[in-house]
Amino acid sequence: MLAAKRRIVMKMPLDSWRRDFLGSGLIEIPLDGQVGIAAVELSDFHADPADRIIIASAIHNGAALLTADQGMLDWPGPLDRHDARV
């Protein structure tokens, strides 16, 4: 969706990009009901449901989040995050 909105440039098809990252060790984290509940219960975070699910998934699974999203980087909650722009 970000590529369609021209917010990012994909140099290869999305499926190939995903397969390459999975092959290099990226681990996909499944969503479950606990993540959904945690997403709803985030405090002091904006209302975008996708962003809430991303944040809640990282927290619930004890994973670090690599993002360029300033709202996620600035959120004061308990999240191990890293700026993807640096």
Protein backbone atom coordinates (compact mmCIF):
# COMPACT_ATOMS: atom_id res chain seq x y z
CA MET A 1 0.00 0.00 0.00
CA LEU A 2 2.89 2.35 0.78
CA ALA A 3 4.38 1.61 -2.64
CA ALA A 4 1.05 2.33 -4.31
CA LYS A 5 0.94 5.67 -2.48
CA ARG A 6 4.55 6.32 -3.58
CA ARG A 7 5.73 6.60 0.03
CA ILE A 8 8.29 3.85 -0.55
CA VAL A 9 9.93 2.40 -3.66
CA MET A 10 10.01 -1.37 -4.08
CA LYS A 11 12.80 -2.49 -6.39
CA MET A 12 11.38 -6.02 -6.66
CA PRO A 13 7.98 -7.69 -6.35
CA LEU A 14 6.73 -7.82 -2.76
CA ASP A 15 6.62 -11.63 -2.72
CA SER A 16 10.29 -11.82 -3.76
CA TRP A 17 11.25 -9.21 -1.16
CA ARG A 18 9.50 -11.21 1.58
CA ARG A 19 11.05 -14.50 0.48
CA ASP A 20 14.54 -12.94 0.48
CA PHE A 21 14.10 -11.56 4.01
CA LEU A 22 12.71 -14.85 5.32
CA GLY A 23 15.70 -16.61 3.75
CA SER A 24 18.09 -14.27 5.54
CA GLY A 25 16.63 -14.98 8.99
CA LEU A 26 13.62 -12.65 9.36
CA ILE A 27 10.99 -14.28 11.55
CA GLU A 28 7.32 -13.60 10.97
CA ILE A 29 5.29 -13.17 14.15
CA PRO A 30 1.71 -14.50 13.96
CA LEU A 31 -1.21 -12.42 15.21
CA ASP A 32 -3.54 -13.72 17.87
CA GLY A 33 -6.29 -12.49 20.15
CA GLN A 34 -3.87 -11.35 22.85
CA VAL A 35 -2.16 -9.05 20.35
CA GLY A 36 -5.56 -7.66 19.35
CA ILE A 37 -6.44 -6.93 22.96
CA ALA A 38 -3.02 -5.38 23.62
CA ALA A 39 -3.46 -3.18 20.52
CA VAL A 40 -6.76 -1.84 21.83
CA GLU A 41 -5.30 -1.21 25.29
CA LEU A 42 -2.25 0.82 24.18
CA SER A 43 -2.28 4.14 25.96
CA ASP A 44 -1.22 7.47 24.52
CA PHE A 45 -0.96 6.11 20.97
CA HIS A 46 -2.84 7.29 17.89
CA ALA A 47 -5.88 5.44 16.55
CA ASP A 48 -4.43 3.77 13.40
CA PRO A 49 -5.29 0.08 13.89
CA ALA A 50 -2.39 -1.23 11.76
CA ASP A 51 0.16 0.78 13.75
CA ARG A 52 -1.41 -0.41 17.00
CA ILE A 53 -1.16 -4.05 15.88
CA ILE A 54 2.50 -3.58 14.90
CA ILE A 55 3.37 -2.04 18.27
CA ALA A 56 1.35 -4.61 20.26
CA SER A 57 2.92 -7.50 18.31
CA ALA A 58 6.43 -6.31 19.08
CA ILE A 59 5.69 -5.80 22.78
CA HIS A 60 3.76 -9.06 23.16
CA ASN A 61 6.55 -11.07 21.54
CA GLY A 62 9.47 -9.23 23.13
CA ALA A 63 10.70 -8.22 19.68
CA ALA A 64 12.59 -5.11 18.66
CA LEU A 65 10.81 -2.90 16.13
CA LEU A 66 12.75 -1.36 13.25
CA THR A 67 10.73 1.54 11.85
CA ALA A 68 10.98 4.93 10.21
CA ASP A 69 7.53 5.91 11.53
CA GLN A 70 8.06 8.96 13.71
CA GLY A 71 4.90 8.33 15.72
CA MET A 72 6.14 4.87 16.71
CA LEU A 73 9.60 6.20 17.48
CA ASP A 74 8.24 9.01 19.67
CA TRP A 75 5.65 6.94 21.55
CA PRO A 76 6.67 6.89 25.24
CA GLY A 77 5.50 3.31 25.87
CA PRO A 78 7.58 0.22 26.68
CA LEU A 79 8.95 -0.78 23.29
CA ASP A 80 12.43 -1.71 22.09
CA ARG A 81 12.60 0.30 18.85
CA HIS A 82 15.23 1.40 16.38
CA ASP A 83 15.13 4.12 13.75
CA ALA A 84 15.36 2.49 10.32
CA ARG A 85 16.57 5.77 8.77
CA VAL A 86 19.96 5.66 10.49
